[in-house]
C-alpha atoms as a PDB file:
ATOM      1  CA  MET A   1     -12.665 -42.676  42.712  1.00  0.00           C
ATOM      2  CA  ALA A   2     -11.451 -43.418  39.158  1.00  0.00           C
ATOM      3  CA  GLU A   3     -14.161 -41.218  37.686  1.00  0.00           C
ATOM      4  CA  GLU A   4     -13.365 -38.437  40.131  1.00  0.00           C
ATOM      5  CA  ASP A   5      -9.713 -38.701  39.337  1.00  0.00           C
ATOM      6  CA  GLU A   6     -10.427 -38.580  35.632  1.00  0.00           C
ATOM      7  CA  ARG A   7     -12.622 -35.532  36.097  1.00  0.00           C
ATOM      8  CA  ARG A   8      -9.892 -33.795  37.976  1.00  0.00           C
ATOM      9  CA  GLU A   9      -7.371 -34.674  35.359  1.00  0.00           C
ATOM     10  CA  GLN A  10      -9.803 -33.250  32.538  1.00  0.00           C
ATOM     11  CA  ASP A  11     -10.246 -30.116  34.651  1.00  0.00           C
ATOM     12  CA  GLY A  12      -6.485 -29.720  34.957  1.00  0.00           C
ATOM     13  CA  ARG A  13      -5.955 -30.046  31.342  1.00  0.00           C
ATOM     14  CA  ARG A  14      -8.711 -27.613  30.560  1.00  0.00           C
ATOM     15  CA  GLU A  15      -7.233 -25.052  32.956  1.00  0.00           C
ATOM     16  CA  GLN A  16      -3.817 -25.568  31.359  1.00  0.00           C
ATOM     17  CA  ASP A  17      -5.225 -25.055  27.924  1.00  0.00           C
ATOM     18  CA  GLU A  18      -6.925 -21.865  29.151  1.00  0.00           C
ATOM     19  CA  ARG A  19      -3.697 -20.563  30.565  1.00  0.00           C
ATOM     20  CA  HIS A  20      -1.903 -21.288  27.276  1.00  0.00           C
ATOM     21  CA  GLU A  21      -4.627 -19.745  25.363  1.00  0.00           C
ATOM     22  CA  GLN A  22      -4.609 -16.598  27.522  1.00  0.00           C
ATOM     23  CA  ASP A  23      -0.915 -16.457  27.341  1.00  0.00           C
ATOM     24  CA  GLY A  24      -1.038 -16.753  23.614  1.00  0.00           C
ATOM     25  CA  ARG A  25      -3.507 -13.805  23.392  1.00  0.00           C
ATOM     26  CA  GLN A  26      -1.436 -11.748  25.663  1.00  0.00           C
ATOM     27  CA  ASP A  27       1.650 -12.474  23.645  1.00  0.00           C
ATOM     28  CA  LEU A  28      -0.106 -11.668  20.405  1.00  0.00           C
ATOM     29  CA  ALA A  29      -1.420  -8.344  22.080  1.00  0.00           C
ATOM     30  CA  ALA A  30       2.018  -7.451  23.042  1.00  0.00           C
ATOM     31  CA  ARG A  31       3.283  -8.074  19.563  1.00  0.00           C
ATOM     32  CA  PHE A  32       0.490  -5.935  17.981  1.00  0.00           C
ATOM     33  CA  GLU A  33       1.180  -3.075  20.383  1.00  0.00           C
ATOM     34  CA  ALA A  34       4.794  -2.957  19.112  1.00  0.00           C
ATOM     35  CA  HIS A  35       3.341  -2.085  15.796  1.00  0.00           C
ATOM     36  CA  ARG A  36       0.506   0.083  16.730  1.00  0.00           C
ATOM     37  CA  GLY A  37       2.298   3.429  16.498  1.00  0.00           C
ATOM     38  CA  ARG A  38       3.486   2.735  12.819  1.00  0.00           C
ATOM     39  CA  LEU A  39      -0.029   1.384  11.859  1.00  0.00           C
ATOM     40  CA  ARG A  40      -1.700   4.606  13.265  1.00  0.00           C
ATOM     41  CA  ALA A  41       0.818   6.777  11.258  1.00  0.00           C
ATOM     42  CA  VAL A  42      -0.054   4.762   8.043  1.00  0.00           C
ATOM     43  CA  ALA A  43      -3.837   5.110   8.711  1.00  0.00           C
ATOM     44  CA  TYR A  44      -3.708   8.769   9.674  1.00  0.00           C
ATOM     45  CA  ARG A  45      -1.879   9.774   6.530  1.00  0.00           C
ATOM     46  CA  MET A  46      -4.363   7.765   4.402  1.00  0.00           C
ATOM     47  CA  LEU A  47      -7.508   9.049   6.238  1.00  0.00           C
ATOM     48  CA  GLY A  48      -6.483  12.330   7.605  1.00  0.00           C
ATOM     49  CA  SER A  49      -8.698  11.820  10.660  1.00  0.00           C
ATOM     50  CA  ALA A  50      -7.510  10.619  14.059  1.00  0.00           C
ATOM     51  CA  ALA A  51     -10.761   8.947  14.851  1.00  0.00           C
ATOM     52  CA  GLU A  52     -10.938   6.998  11.668  1.00  0.00           C
ATOM     53  CA  ALA A  53      -7.367   6.115  11.961  1.00  0.00           C
ATOM     54  CA  ASP A  54      -7.994   4.641  15.402  1.00  0.00           C
ATOM     55  CA  ASP A  55     -10.946   2.760  14.112  1.00  0.00           C
ATOM     56  CA  ALA A  56      -8.858   1.342  11.319  1.00  0.00           C
ATOM     57  CA  VAL A  57      -6.082   0.259  13.733  1.00  0.00           C
ATOM     58  CA  GLN A  58      -8.717  -1.605  16.042  1.00  0.00           C
ATOM     59  CA  GLU A  59     -10.227  -3.251  13.117  1.00  0.00           C
ATOM     60  CA  THR A  60      -6.818  -4.508  12.076  1.00  0.00           C
ATOM     61  CA  TRP A  61      -6.421  -5.946  15.626  1.00  0.00           C
ATOM     62  CA  LEU A  62      -9.774  -7.718  15.525  1.00  0.00           C
ATOM     63  CA  ARG A  63      -8.800  -9.333  12.130  1.00  0.00           C
ATOM     64  CA  LEU A  64      -5.454 -10.206  13.615  1.00  0.00           C
ATOM     65  CA  ALA A  65      -7.166 -11.969  16.623  1.00  0.00           C
ATOM     66  CA  ARG A  66      -9.156 -14.127  14.307  1.00  0.00           C
ATOM     67  CA  THR A  67      -6.238 -15.108  12.274  1.00  0.00           C
ATOM     68  CA  ASP A  68      -3.927 -18.212  12.555  1.00  0.00           C
ATOM     69  CA  VAL A  69      -0.808 -16.211  13.406  1.00  0.00           C
ATOM     70  CA  GLY A  70       1.319 -19.342  12.850  1.00  0.00           C
ATOM     71  CA  ALA A  71       0.731 -18.965   9.203  1.00  0.00           C
ATOM     72  CA  VAL A  72       1.920 -15.400   9.234  1.00  0.00           C
ATOM     73  CA  SER A  73       5.610 -15.249   8.213  1.00  0.00           C
ATOM     74  CA  ASN A  74       6.004 -11.457   8.283  1.00  0.00           C
ATOM     75  CA  LEU A  75       3.737  -9.847  10.902  1.00  0.00           C
ATOM     76  CA  ALA A  76       4.830  -6.223  10.246  1.00  0.00           C
ATOM     77  CA  GLY A  77       3.986  -6.630   6.525  1.00  0.00           C
ATOM     78  CA  TRP A  78       0.770  -8.481   7.112  1.00  0.00           C
ATOM     79  CA  LEU A  79      -0.452  -5.669   9.597  1.00  0.00           C
ATOM     80  CA  THR A  80       0.408  -2.911   7.025  1.00  0.00           C
ATOM     81  CA  THR A  81      -1.567  -4.724   4.403  1.00  0.00           C
ATOM     82  CA  VAL A  82      -4.422  -5.208   6.500  1.00  0.00           C
ATOM     83  CA  VAL A  83      -4.634  -1.639   7.894  1.00  0.00           C
ATOM     84  CA  SER A  84      -4.167  -0.388   4.278  1.00  0.00           C
ATOM     85  CA  ARG A  85      -7.084  -2.402   2.850  1.00  0.00           C
ATOM     86  CA  VAL A  86      -9.257  -1.169   5.800  1.00  0.00           C
ATOM     87  CA  CYS A  87      -8.292   2.377   4.972  1.00  0.00           C
ATOM     88  CA  LEU A  88      -8.840   1.858   1.281  1.00  0.00           C
ATOM     89  CA  ASP A  89     -12.415   0.643   1.932  1.00  0.00           C
ATOM     90  CA  THR A  90     -13.066   3.738   4.278  1.00  0.00           C
ATOM     91  CA  LEU A  91     -11.723   6.029   1.427  1.00  0.00           C
ATOM     92  CA  ARG A  92     -13.944   4.415  -1.115  1.00  0.00           C
ATOM     93  CA  THR A  93     -16.983   4.715   1.067  1.00  0.00           C
ATOM     94  CA  ARG A  94     -16.128   8.260   1.779  1.00  0.00           C
ATOM     95  CA  ALA A  95     -15.736   9.025  -2.015  1.00  0.00           C
ATOM     96  CA  ALA A  96     -19.083   7.484  -2.711  1.00  0.00           C
ATOM     97  CA  ARG A  97     -20.879   9.553  -0.076  1.00  0.00           C
ATOM     98  CA  ARG A  98     -19.025  12.593  -1.251  1.00  0.00           C
ATOM     99  CA  GLU A  99     -20.483  12.052  -4.745  1.00  0.00           C
ATOM    100  CA  GLU A 100     -24.010  11.671  -3.180  1.00  0.00           C
ATOM    101  CA  PHE A 101     -23.533  15.017  -1.398  1.00  0.00           C
ATOM    102  CA  LEU A 102     -22.157  16.773  -4.495  1.00  0.00           C
ATOM    103  CA  SER A 103     -25.303  16.019  -6.403  1.00  0.00           C
ATOM    104  CA  ASP A 104     -27.116  18.297  -4.055  1.00  0.00           C
ATOM    105  CA  GLU A 105     -26.103  21.969  -4.466  1.00  0.00           C
ATOM    106  CA  GLY A 106     -24.489  23.125  -1.335  1.00  0.00           C
ATOM    107  CA  ALA A 107     -24.840  19.898   0.502  1.00  0.00           C
ATOM    108  CA  LEU A 108     -21.140  19.464   1.040  1.00  0.00           C
ATOM    109  CA  ASP A 109     -21.322  22.070   3.867  1.00  0.00           C
ATOM    110  CA  ARG A 110     -23.659  19.613   5.559  1.00  0.00           C
ATOM    111  CA  VAL A 111     -21.238  16.580   5.603  1.00  0.00           C
ATOM    112  CA  PRO A 112     -20.928  15.616   9.423  1.00  0.00           C
ATOM    113  CA  ALA A 113     -17.357  15.969  10.425  1.00  0.00           C
ATOM    114  CA  PRO A 114     -15.569  12.964  12.098  1.00  0.00           C
ATOM    115  CA  ASP A 115     -14.967  13.113  15.812  1.00  0.00           C
ATOM    116  CA  ALA A 116     -12.070  15.535  16.286  1.00  0.00           C
ATOM    117  CA  PRO A 117      -9.144  14.749  18.627  1.00  0.00           C
ATOM    118  CA  CYS A 118      -8.124  17.033  21.512  1.00  0.00           C
ATOM    119  CA  PRO A 119      -6.329  20.144  20.380  1.00  0.00           C
ATOM    120  CA  GLU A 120      -2.994  19.119  21.458  1.00  0.00           C
ATOM    121  CA  GLU A 121      -3.247  15.764  19.792  1.00  0.00           C
ATOM    122  CA  GLU A 122      -4.576  17.246  16.612  1.00  0.00           C
ATOM    123  CA  ALA A 123      -1.587  19.713  16.619  1.00  0.00           C
ATOM    124  CA  VAL A 124       0.919  16.807  16.949  1.00  0.00           C
ATOM    125  CA  LEU A 125      -0.695  14.707  14.175  1.00  0.00           C
ATOM    126  CA  VAL A 126      -1.128  17.537  11.787  1.00  0.00           C
ATOM    127  CA  GLU A 127       2.509  18.861  12.292  1.00  0.00           C
ATOM    128  CA  SER A 128       3.750  15.252  11.892  1.00  0.00           C
ATOM    129  CA  VAL A 129       2.367  15.134   8.433  1.00  0.00           C
ATOM    130  CA  GLY A 130       1.959  18.669   7.292  1.00  0.00           C
ATOM    131  CA  ARG A 131      -1.214  20.661   6.942  1.00  0.00           C
ATOM    132  CA  ALA A 132      -0.845  21.420   3.235  1.00  0.00           C
ATOM    133  CA  LEU A 133      -0.022  17.705   2.556  1.00  0.00           C
ATOM    134  CA  LEU A 134      -3.099  16.549   4.352  1.00  0.00           C
ATOM    135  CA  VAL A 135      -5.172  18.902   2.263  1.00  0.00           C
ATOM    136  CA  VAL A 136      -3.661  17.775  -1.063  1.00  0.00           C
ATOM    137  CA  LEU A 137      -3.856  14.094  -0.113  1.00  0.00           C
ATOM    138  CA  ASP A 138      -7.586  14.489   0.245  1.00  0.00           C
ATOM    139  CA  THR A 139      -7.850  15.512  -3.487  1.00  0.00           C
ATOM    140  CA  LEU A 140      -6.535  12.101  -4.555  1.00  0.00           C
ATOM    141  CA  GLY A 141      -8.519   9.119  -5.448  1.00  0.00           C
ATOM    142  CA  PRO A 142      -8.706   6.228  -2.859  1.00  0.00           C
ATOM    143  CA  ALA A 143      -6.132   3.920  -4.807  1.00  0.00           C
ATOM    144  CA  GLU A 144      -3.869   6.876  -5.568  1.00  0.00           C
ATOM    145  CA  ARG A 145      -3.833   7.943  -1.951  1.00  0.00           C
ATOM    146  CA  VAL A 146      -3.021   4.446  -0.703  1.00  0.00           C
ATOM    147  CA  ALA A 147      -0.196   3.838  -3.180  1.00  0.00           C
ATOM    148  CA  PHE A 148       1.361   7.103  -2.743  1.00  0.00           C
ATOM    149  CA  VAL A 149       1.330   7.015   1.099  1.00  0.00           C
ATOM    150  CA  LEU A 150       2.637   3.426   1.216  1.00  0.00           C
ATOM    151  CA  HIS A 151       5.479   3.997  -1.243  1.00  0.00           C
ATOM    152  CA  ASP A 152       6.456   7.538  -0.637  1.00  0.00           C
ATOM    153  CA  SER A 153       5.923   7.796   3.056  1.00  0.00           C
ATOM    154  CA  PHE A 154       6.647   4.183   4.158  1.00  0.00           C
ATOM    155  CA  ALA A 155       8.899   2.815   1.387  1.00  0.00           C
ATOM    156  CA  VAL A 156       6.520  -0.138   0.744  1.00  0.00           C
ATOM    157  CA  PRO A 157       7.616  -1.755  -2.593  1.00  0.00           C
ATOM    158  CA  PHE A 158       5.141  -1.642  -5.457  1.00  0.00           C
ATOM    159  CA  ASP A 159       4.807  -5.466  -5.635  1.00  0.00           C
ATOM    160  CA  ARG A 160       3.405  -5.479  -2.131  1.00  0.00           C
ATOM    161  CA  ILE A 161       1.114  -2.477  -2.691  1.00  0.00           C
ATOM    162  CA  ALA A 162      -0.328  -3.935  -5.961  1.00  0.00           C
ATOM    163  CA  PRO A 163      -2.593  -6.544  -4.303  1.00  0.00           C
ATOM    164  CA  ILE A 164      -3.976  -3.920  -1.989  1.00  0.00           C
ATOM    165  CA  VAL A 165      -5.108  -1.640  -4.719  1.00  0.00           C
ATOM    166  CA  GLU A 166      -5.855  -4.531  -6.917  1.00  0.00           C
ATOM    167  CA  ARG A 167      -3.480  -3.490  -9.754  1.00  0.00           C
ATOM    168  CA  SER A 168      -0.408  -4.918 -11.371  1.00  0.00           C
ATOM    169  CA  PRO A 169       2.899  -3.691  -9.951  1.00  0.00           C
ATOM    170  CA  VAL A 170       3.416  -1.697 -13.205  1.00  0.00           C
ATOM    171  CA  ALA A 171       0.010  -0.066 -12.937  1.00  0.00           C
ATOM    172  CA  THR A 172       0.510   0.682  -9.195  1.00  0.00           C
ATOM    173  CA  LYS A 173       3.787   2.385  -9.996  1.00  0.00           C
ATOM    174  CA  LYS A 174       1.961   4.520 -12.458  1.00  0.00           C
ATOM    175  CA  LEU A 175      -0.761   5.205  -9.881  1.00  0.00           C
ATOM    176  CA  ALA A 176       1.729   6.491  -7.337  1.00  0.00           C
ATOM    177  CA  SER A 177       3.558   8.502  -9.861  1.00  0.00           C
ATOM    178  CA  ARG A 178       0.306  10.197 -10.979  1.00  0.00           C
ATOM    179  CA  ALA A 179      -0.426  11.006  -7.370  1.00  0.00           C
ATOM    180  CA  ARG A 180       3.088  12.280  -6.823  1.00  0.00           C
ATOM    181  CA  HIS A 181       2.683  14.639  -9.652  1.00  0.00           C
ATOM    182  CA  LYS A 182      -0.651  15.989  -8.156  1.00  0.00           C
ATOM    183  CA  VAL A 183       0.809  16.388  -4.660  1.00  0.00           C
ATOM    184  CA  ARG A 184       3.976  18.135  -5.842  1.00  0.00           C
ATOM    185  CA  SER A 185       2.987  20.157  -8.845  1.00  0.00           C
ATOM    186  CA  THR A 186       5.357  22.416 -10.623  1.00  0.00           C
ATOM    187  CA  PRO A 187       4.883  26.201  -9.773  1.00  0.00           C
ATOM    188  CA  ALA A 188       3.810  28.431 -12.594  1.00  0.00           C
ATOM    189  CA  GLY A 189       5.947  31.145 -13.958  1.00  0.00           C
ATOM    190  CA  PRO A 190       9.867  31.520 -14.035  1.00  0.00           C
ATOM    191  CA  ALA A 191      11.618  29.628 -11.412  1.00  0.00           C
ATOM    192  CA  ALA A 192      12.579  32.848  -9.318  1.00  0.00           C
ATOM    193  CA  GLU A 193       9.027  34.179  -9.291  1.00  0.00           C
ATOM    194  CA  PRO A 194       7.488  31.359  -7.113  1.00  0.00           C
ATOM    195  CA  ALA A 195      10.333  31.727  -4.822  1.00  0.00           C
ATOM    196  CA  ARG A 196       9.911  35.440  -4.351  1.00  0.00           C
ATOM    197  CA  GLY A 197       6.173  34.953  -3.932  1.00  0.00           C
ATOM    198  CA  ARG A 198       6.511  32.196  -1.366  1.00  0.00           C
ATOM    199  CA  HIS A 199       8.768  34.456   0.726  1.00  0.00           C
ATOM    200  CA  VAL A 200       6.182  37.168   0.711  1.00  0.00           C
ATOM    201  CA  VAL A 201       3.357  34.779   1.481  1.00  0.00           C
ATOM    202  CA  GLU A 202       5.230  33.189   4.315  1.00  0.00           C
ATOM    203  CA  ALA A 203       5.977  36.695   5.690  1.00  0.00           C
ATOM    204  CA  PHE A 204       2.246  37.500   5.556  1.00  0.00           C
ATOM    205  CA  LEU A 205       1.260  34.255   7.316  1.00  0.00           C
ATOM    206  CA  ALA A 206       3.762  34.844   9.994  1.00  0.00           C
ATOM    207  CA  ALA A 207       2.512  38.304  10.607  1.00  0.00           C
ATOM    208  CA  ALA A 208      -1.149  37.149  10.544  1.00  0.00           C
ATOM    209  CA  ARG A 209      -0.396  34.358  13.185  1.00  0.00           C
ATOM    210  CA  GLY A 210       1.314  36.834  15.421  1.00  0.00           C
ATOM    211  CA  GLY A 211      -1.326  39.460  15.119  1.00  0.00           C
ATOM    212  CA  ASP A 212       1.528  41.792  14.264  1.00  0.00           C
ATOM    213  CA  LEU A 213       0.057  44.833  12.652  1.00  0.00           C
ATOM    214  CA  THR A 214       3.238  46.658  11.828  1.00  0.00           C
ATOM    215  CA  ALA A 215       4.666  43.515   9.998  1.00  0.00           C
ATOM    216  CA  LEU A 216       1.338  43.087   8.089  1.00  0.00           C
ATOM    217  CA  LEU A 217       1.511  46.708   6.913  1.00  0.00           C
ATOM    218  CA  ALA A 218       5.070  46.003   5.763  1.00  0.00           C
ATOM    219  CA  VAL A 219       4.108  43.091   3.689  1.00  0.00           C
ATOM    220  CA  LEU A 220       0.786  44.568   2.275  1.00  0.00           C
ATOM    221  CA  ALA A 221       0.780  46.982  -0.726  1.00  0.00           C
ATOM    222  CA  PRO A 222      -0.904  50.367   0.188  1.00  0.00           C
ATOM    223  CA  ASP A 223      -3.685  49.751  -2.242  1.00  0.00           C
ATOM    224  CA  VAL A 224      -4.070  45.955  -1.411  1.00  0.00           C
ATOM    225  CA  VAL A 225      -7.561  44.344  -2.122  1.00  0.00           C
ATOM    226  CA  ARG A 226      -9.081  41.478  -0.091  1.00  0.00           C
ATOM    227  CA  ARG A 227     -12.141  39.654  -1.701  1.00  0.00           C
ATOM    228  CA  ALA A 228     -13.689  36.825   0.155  1.00  0.00           C
ATOM    229  CA  ASP A 229     -16.741  34.439  -0.360  1.00  0.00           C
ATOM    230  CA  THR A 230     -19.458  35.330   2.194  1.00  0.00           C
ATOM    231  CA  ALA A 231     -19.217  32.111   4.019  1.00  0.00           C
ATOM    232  CA  ALA A 232     -15.483  32.835   4.939  1.00  0.00           C
ATOM    233  CA  LEU A 233     -16.293  36.118   6.621  1.00  0.00           C
ATOM    234  CA  PRO A 234     -17.872  37.064   9.949  1.00  0.00           C
ATOM    235  CA  PRO A 235     -21.358  38.280   9.933  1.00  0.00           C
ATOM    236  CA  GLY A 236     -21.680  41.716   8.415  1.00  0.00           C
ATOM    237  CA  ALA A 237     -18.171  41.892   6.930  1.00  0.00           C
ATOM    238  CA  PRO A 238     -17.946  43.213   3.446  1.00  0.00           C
ATOM    239  CA  ALA A 239     -17.029  40.871   0.672  1.00  0.00           C
ATOM    240  CA  GLU A 240     -14.376  43.272  -0.487  1.00  0.00           C
ATOM    241  CA  ILE A 241     -12.115  45.717   1.377  1.00  0.00           C
ATOM    242  CA  ARG A 242      -9.279  47.960   0.141  1.00  0.00           C
ATOM    243  CA  GLY A 243      -6.179  49.522   1.690  1.00  0.00           C
ATOM    244  CA  ALA A 244      -3.350  48.045   3.726  1.00  0.00           C
ATOM    245  CA  GLU A 245      -4.809  49.695   6.987  1.00  0.00           C
ATOM    246  CA  ALA A 246      -8.248  48.097   6.629  1.00  0.00           C
ATOM    247  CA  VAL A 247      -6.883  44.774   5.463  1.00  0.00           C
ATOM    248  CA  ALA A 248      -4.283  44.503   8.288  1.00  0.00           C
ATOM    249  CA  ARG A 249      -6.773  45.353  10.947  1.00  0.00           C
ATOM    250  CA  GLU A 250      -9.242  42.697   9.824  1.00  0.00           C
ATOM    251  CA  THR A 251      -6.312  40.159   9.492  1.00  0.00           C
ATOM    252  CA  VAL A 252      -5.491  40.808  13.168  1.00  0.00           C
ATOM    253  CA  LEU A 253      -8.852  40.062  14.221  1.00  0.00           C
ATOM    254  CA  LEU A 254      -8.799  36.710  12.481  1.00  0.00           C
ATOM    255  CA  THR A 255      -5.532  35.327  13.847  1.00  0.00           C
ATOM    256  CA  GLY A 256      -7.374  31.939  14.607  1.00  0.00           C
ATOM    257  CA  ASN A 257      -7.676  31.261  10.992  1.00  0.00           C
ATOM    258  CA  ALA A 258      -4.042  31.980  10.287  1.00  0.00           C
ATOM    259  CA  ARG A 259      -2.937  29.510  13.078  1.00  0.00           C
ATOM    260  CA  ALA A 260      -4.852  26.849  11.053  1.00  0.00           C
ATOM    261  CA  ALA A 261      -3.238  27.947   7.609  1.00  0.00           C
ATOM    262  CA  ALA A 262      -0.212  26.611   5.684  1.00  0.00           C
ATOM    263  CA  VAL A 263       1.595  27.805   2.569  1.00  0.00           C
ATOM    264  CA  ALA A 264       0.712  25.775  -0.484  1.00  0.00           C
ATOM    265  CA  LEU A 265       0.668  25.967  -4.216  1.00  0.00           C
ATOM    266  CA  VAL A 266      -2.852  27.284  -5.178  1.00  0.00           C
ATOM    267  CA  ASP A 267      -3.501  27.167  -8.886  1.00  0.00           C
ATOM    268  CA  GLY A 268       0.193  27.006  -9.436  1.00  0.00           C
ATOM    269  CA  ARG A 269       1.385  29.915  -7.380  1.00  0.00           C
ATOM    270  CA  PRO A 270       2.253  30.315  -3.595  1.00  0.00           C
ATOM    271  CA  GLY A 271      -1.018  30.832  -1.567  1.00  0.00           C
ATOM    272  CA  LEU A 272      -2.518  29.585   1.596  1.00  0.00           C
ATOM    273  CA  VAL A 273      -4.797  26.804   2.791  1.00  0.00           C
ATOM    274  CA  VAL A 274      -6.772  27.057   5.929  1.00  0.00           C
ATOM    275  CA  ALA A 275      -7.346  23.649   7.259  1.00  0.00           C
ATOM    276  CA  PRO A 276      -8.234  22.990  10.875  1.00  0.00           C
ATOM    277  CA  GLY A 277      -7.346  19.447  11.706  1.00  0.00           C
ATOM    278  CA  GLY A 278      -5.985  19.005   8.153  1.00  0.00           C
ATOM    279  CA  ARG A 279      -9.505  19.454   6.718  1.00  0.00           C
ATOM    280  CA  LEU A 280      -9.671  22.226   4.023  1.00  0.00           C
ATOM    281  CA  ARG A 281     -12.045  25.039   5.106  1.00  0.00           C
ATOM    282  CA  SER A 282     -10.787  27.845   2.784  1.00  0.00           C
ATOM    283  CA  ALA A 283      -7.914  28.741   0.418  1.00  0.00           C
ATOM    284  CA  LEU A 284      -6.301  32.048  -0.449  1.00  0.00           C
ATOM    285  CA  THR A 285      -5.101  32.867  -3.892  1.00  0.00           C
ATOM    286  CA  VAL A 286      -2.432  35.683  -3.422  1.00  0.00           C
ATOM    287  CA  THR A 287      -1.013  38.128  -5.854  1.00  0.00           C
ATOM    288  CA  VAL A 288       2.323  39.383  -5.184  1.00  0.00           C
ATOM    289  CA  GLU A 289       4.004  42.323  -7.054  1.00  0.00           C
ATOM    290  CA  ALA A 290       7.202  44.159  -6.218  1.00  0.00           C
ATOM    291  CA  GLY A 291       7.703  42.043  -3.014  1.00  0.00           C
ATOM    292  CA  ARG A 292       4.210  42.906  -1.465  1.00  0.00           C
ATOM    293  CA  VAL A 293       0.841  41.476  -1.446  1.00  0.00           C
ATOM    294  CA  THR A 294      -1.287  43.516  -3.757  1.00  0.00           C
ATOM    295  CA  ALA A 295      -4.441  41.254  -3.655  1.00  0.00           C
ATOM    296  CA  TYR A 296      -5.868  38.025  -2.290  1.00  0.00           C
ATOM    297  CA  ASP A 297      -9.127  36.119  -2.553  1.00  0.00           C
ATOM    298  CA  VAL A 298     -10.440  34.015   0.240  1.00  0.00           C
ATOM    299  CA  ILE A 299     -12.248  31.084  -1.383  1.00  0.00           C
ATOM    300  CA  SER A 300     -14.608  28.935   0.909  1.00  0.00           C
ATOM    301  CA  SER A 301     -17.385  27.883  -1.570  1.00  0.00           C
ATOM    302  CA  PRO A 302     -17.198  24.134  -1.936  1.00  0.00           C
ATOM    303  CA  ALA A 303     -17.723  24.385  -5.587  1.00  0.00           C
ATOM    304  CA  ARG A 304     -14.758  26.929  -5.965  1.00  0.00           C
ATOM    305  CA  LEU A 305     -12.620  24.904  -3.556  1.00  0.00           C
ATOM    306  CA  ARG A 306     -13.150  21.647  -5.754  1.00  0.00           C
ATOM    307  CA  ALA A 307     -12.057  23.702  -8.798  1.00  0.00           C
ATOM    308  CA  LEU A 308      -8.667  24.613  -7.360  1.00  0.00           C
ATOM    309  CA  ASP A 309      -5.434  23.023  -8.242  1.00  0.00           C
ATOM    310  CA  LEU A 310      -3.599  22.400  -4.862  1.00  0.00           C
ATOM    311  CA  ALA A 311      -0.242  21.083  -4.422  1.00  0.00           C
ATOM    312  CA  VAL A 312       2.606  21.037  -1.694  1.00  0.00           C
ATOM    313  CA  LEU A 313       5.472  23.477  -1.991  1.00  0.00           C
ATOM    314  CA  GLU A 314       8.736  21.738  -1.764  1.00  0.00           C
ATOM    315  CA  THR A 315      10.789  22.881   1.195  1.00  0.00           C
END
């Protein structure tokens, strides 16, 4: 009887411990869920991919589940640090793979795209960050991107960012400053010229999105010239067309591209980036004279896209 009582007591203690452990896991999961939205926002801005952002958040949860939470005094800060380190590793791996692809001419076109979210989710995510900003962030180095996103988007102080990017706080501040300069470059030409050019480019984009032939003809110069890389055109389309009527009618047929476009600084002047899901597919350098578009080039060649200086136009 004594042995049976002892066994029952041990079983009772074991069940109690298991209940406590389960309650602890549930409590930890609830605390993590309270931070999930912010962690996903951080990861998406760093990675520009919903699928990769979700993977980074999941990895952060797995690391939390293996950690003695009692030793964590600031859970929000700890989670931000961990998800940032996971994203930095992903960015470094991506950069290394990109270098391998770039060593093979034309291979950039063969890089498999990450799993895309559904169109509605993609639209929400892209609009929450900004299509042009996502494109420009993708031109930054991994450490630059992490430092810029954490400081400028989420107000994380440099002394907390420094250990993540493995720099001193002073060097981290310089890293973010360099990234900020790249993201928000100064337009070329007199101050009023980019503003006028932006107004015309925005009008052109609005007309293209709406498939509005009349509005397009109003913003295009009569002798406008459209040039394009072959890869940016439908099969059989000419690399160059002239005249407002021809350019406007082609633009109406390509409204899908316009819906994935945003105004940006392209080589120092207002232009357009076409970026479905925030991933750059092509860019338009636009020439504006006397309040109308006189020419634009559609650039889709990976080599030409890499050579462009892209930046976000301040609102």
